[in-house]
């Protein structure tokens, strides 16, 4: 492909955009929490915590295991004594939390049908 042809195509597209041939660009509306009450902002903040806390907690496990191996071994023995059904319950609760949150955001997306 010829370099001059690429440059002329790019210039043509730039001119079309400058003249508005591509239509108006969407305006971004700043989202501010000014319309929300303090309680709503607090709940929104709490809803943002689980994923970062779980990620940092997983990293923290490795740090603690390296710094305090004897204490970590004791804690792992305690966790090993937890009955299997409780682990399944914990997994179900976490799955339902993240699954319902994902379903909520999927429902919020505008339809792609034209």
Protein backbone atom coordinates (compact mmCIF):
# COMPACT_ATOMS: atom_id res chain seq x y z
CA UNK A 1 0.00 0.00 0.00
CA UNK A 2 1.23 3.45 -0.89
CA UNK A 3 2.19 5.74 2.00
CA UNK A 4 0.79 8.83 0.21
CA UNK A 5 -2.59 7.12 -0.13
CA UNK A 6 -2.65 6.42 3.63
CA UNK A 7 -1.78 10.04 4.40
CA UNK A 8 -4.45 11.39 2.03
CA UNK A 9 -7.06 9.05 3.53
CA UNK A 10 -6.15 10.23 7.03
CA UNK A 11 -6.35 13.87 5.93
CA UNK A 12 -9.75 13.26 4.34
CA UNK A 13 -11.04 11.67 7.54
CA UNK A 14 -9.68 14.55 9.60
CA UNK A 15 -11.44 17.08 7.34
CA UNK A 16 -14.71 15.15 7.58
CA UNK A 17 -14.46 15.11 11.35
CA UNK A 18 -13.64 18.82 11.44
CA UNK A 19 -16.64 19.70 9.27
CA UNK A 20 -19.01 17.54 11.29
CA UNK A 21 -19.57 14.86 8.67
CA UNK A 22 -19.23 12.22 11.34
CA UNK A 23 -21.91 13.89 13.45
CA UNK A 24 -21.54 15.63 16.78
CA UNK A 25 -19.32 14.00 19.35
CA UNK A 26 -21.09 12.89 22.52
CA UNK A 27 -20.68 15.20 25.46
CA UNK A 28 -19.45 13.65 28.69
CA UNK A 29 -21.49 14.65 31.68
CA UNK A 30 -19.48 14.86 34.89
CA UNK A 31 -20.92 12.60 37.52
CA UNK A 32 -20.98 14.16 40.92
CA UNK A 33 -22.59 12.79 44.05
CA UNK A 34 -24.24 16.12 44.82
CA UNK A 35 -27.73 14.72 44.30
CA UNK A 36 -27.22 11.92 46.80
CA UNK A 37 -27.76 12.01 50.51
CA UNK A 38 -24.93 11.16 52.89
CA UNK A 39 -26.38 7.73 53.63
CA UNK A 40 -26.50 6.85 49.91
CA UNK A 41 -22.89 7.92 49.42
CA UNK A 42 -21.86 5.82 52.44
CA UNK A 43 -23.61 2.74 51.05
CA UNK A 44 -22.05 3.33 47.61
CA UNK A 45 -18.62 3.51 49.24
CA UNK A 46 -19.24 0.29 51.20
CA UNK A 47 -20.38 -1.47 48.02
CA UNK A 48 -17.01 -0.72 46.43
CA UNK A 49 -15.00 -2.39 49.21
CA UNK A 50 -15.42 -6.19 48.83
CA UNK A 51 -13.31 -6.78 45.72
CA UNK A 52 -10.33 -4.66 46.79
CA UNK A 53 -10.44 -6.13 50.29
CA UNK A 54 -10.49 -9.68 48.92
CA UNK A 55 -7.57 -8.94 46.59
CA UNK A 56 -5.51 -7.28 49.31
CA UNK A 57 -6.43 -10.06 51.74
CA UNK A 58 -5.15 -12.69 49.32
CA UNK A 59 -1.85 -10.81 49.02
CA UNK A 60 -1.76 -10.35 52.79
CA UNK A 61 -1.95 -14.12 53.29
CA UNK A 62 1.37 -14.50 51.47
CA UNK A 63 2.97 -11.69 53.45
CA UNK A 64 1.85 -13.16 56.78
CA UNK A 65 2.97 -16.65 55.73
CA UNK A 66 6.44 -15.29 55.03
CA UNK A 67 6.73 -13.17 58.17
CA UNK A 68 5.10 -15.46 60.75
CA UNK A 69 5.22 -19.05 59.46
CA UNK A 70 4.42 -20.72 62.82
CA UNK A 71 1.37 -18.54 63.42
CA UNK A 72 0.26 -19.03 59.82
CA UNK A 73 0.53 -22.82 60.16
CA UNK A 74 -1.67 -22.72 63.27
CA UNK A 75 -4.27 -20.62 61.45
CA UNK A 76 -4.29 -23.02 58.50
CA UNK A 77 -4.89 -25.94 60.89
CA UNK A 78 -7.85 -24.06 62.34
CA UNK A 79 -9.23 -23.45 58.83
CA UNK A 80 -8.76 -27.14 58.01
CA UNK A 81 -11.16 -27.99 60.84
CA UNK A 82 -14.01 -25.96 59.30
CA UNK A 83 -16.68 -28.36 57.95
CA UNK A 84 -16.97 -28.71 54.17
CA UNK A 85 -20.60 -27.45 53.98
CA UNK A 86 -19.52 -24.11 55.49
CA UNK A 87 -16.96 -23.66 52.70
CA UNK A 88 -19.70 -24.37 50.14
CA UNK A 89 -21.93 -21.81 51.85
CA UNK A 90 -19.17 -19.19 51.79
CA UNK A 91 -18.57 -19.89 48.09
CA UNK A 92 -22.29 -19.58 47.35
CA UNK A 93 -22.55 -16.25 49.19
CA UNK A 94 -19.56 -14.79 47.34
CA UNK A 95 -20.82 -16.12 44.00
CA UNK A 96 -24.28 -14.68 44.55
CA UNK A 97 -22.84 -11.31 45.59
CA UNK A 98 -20.63 -10.91 42.53
CA UNK A 99 -23.10 -12.64 40.18
CA UNK A 100 -25.99 -10.38 41.15
CA UNK A 101 -23.79 -7.33 40.85
CA UNK A 102 -22.66 -8.39 37.37
CA UNK A 103 -26.26 -9.12 36.34
CA UNK A 104 -27.27 -5.66 37.52
CA UNK A 105 -24.66 -4.00 35.32
CA UNK A 106 -25.53 -6.22 32.34
CA UNK A 107 -29.17 -5.11 32.65
CA UNK A 108 -28.09 -1.45 32.78
CA UNK A 109 -26.33 -1.58 29.39
CA UNK A 110 -28.31 0.00 26.56
CA UNK A 111 -29.55 -2.42 23.92
CA UNK A 112 -27.24 -2.75 20.91
CA UNK A 113 -30.19 -3.37 18.56
CA UNK A 114 -30.68 -0.64 15.97
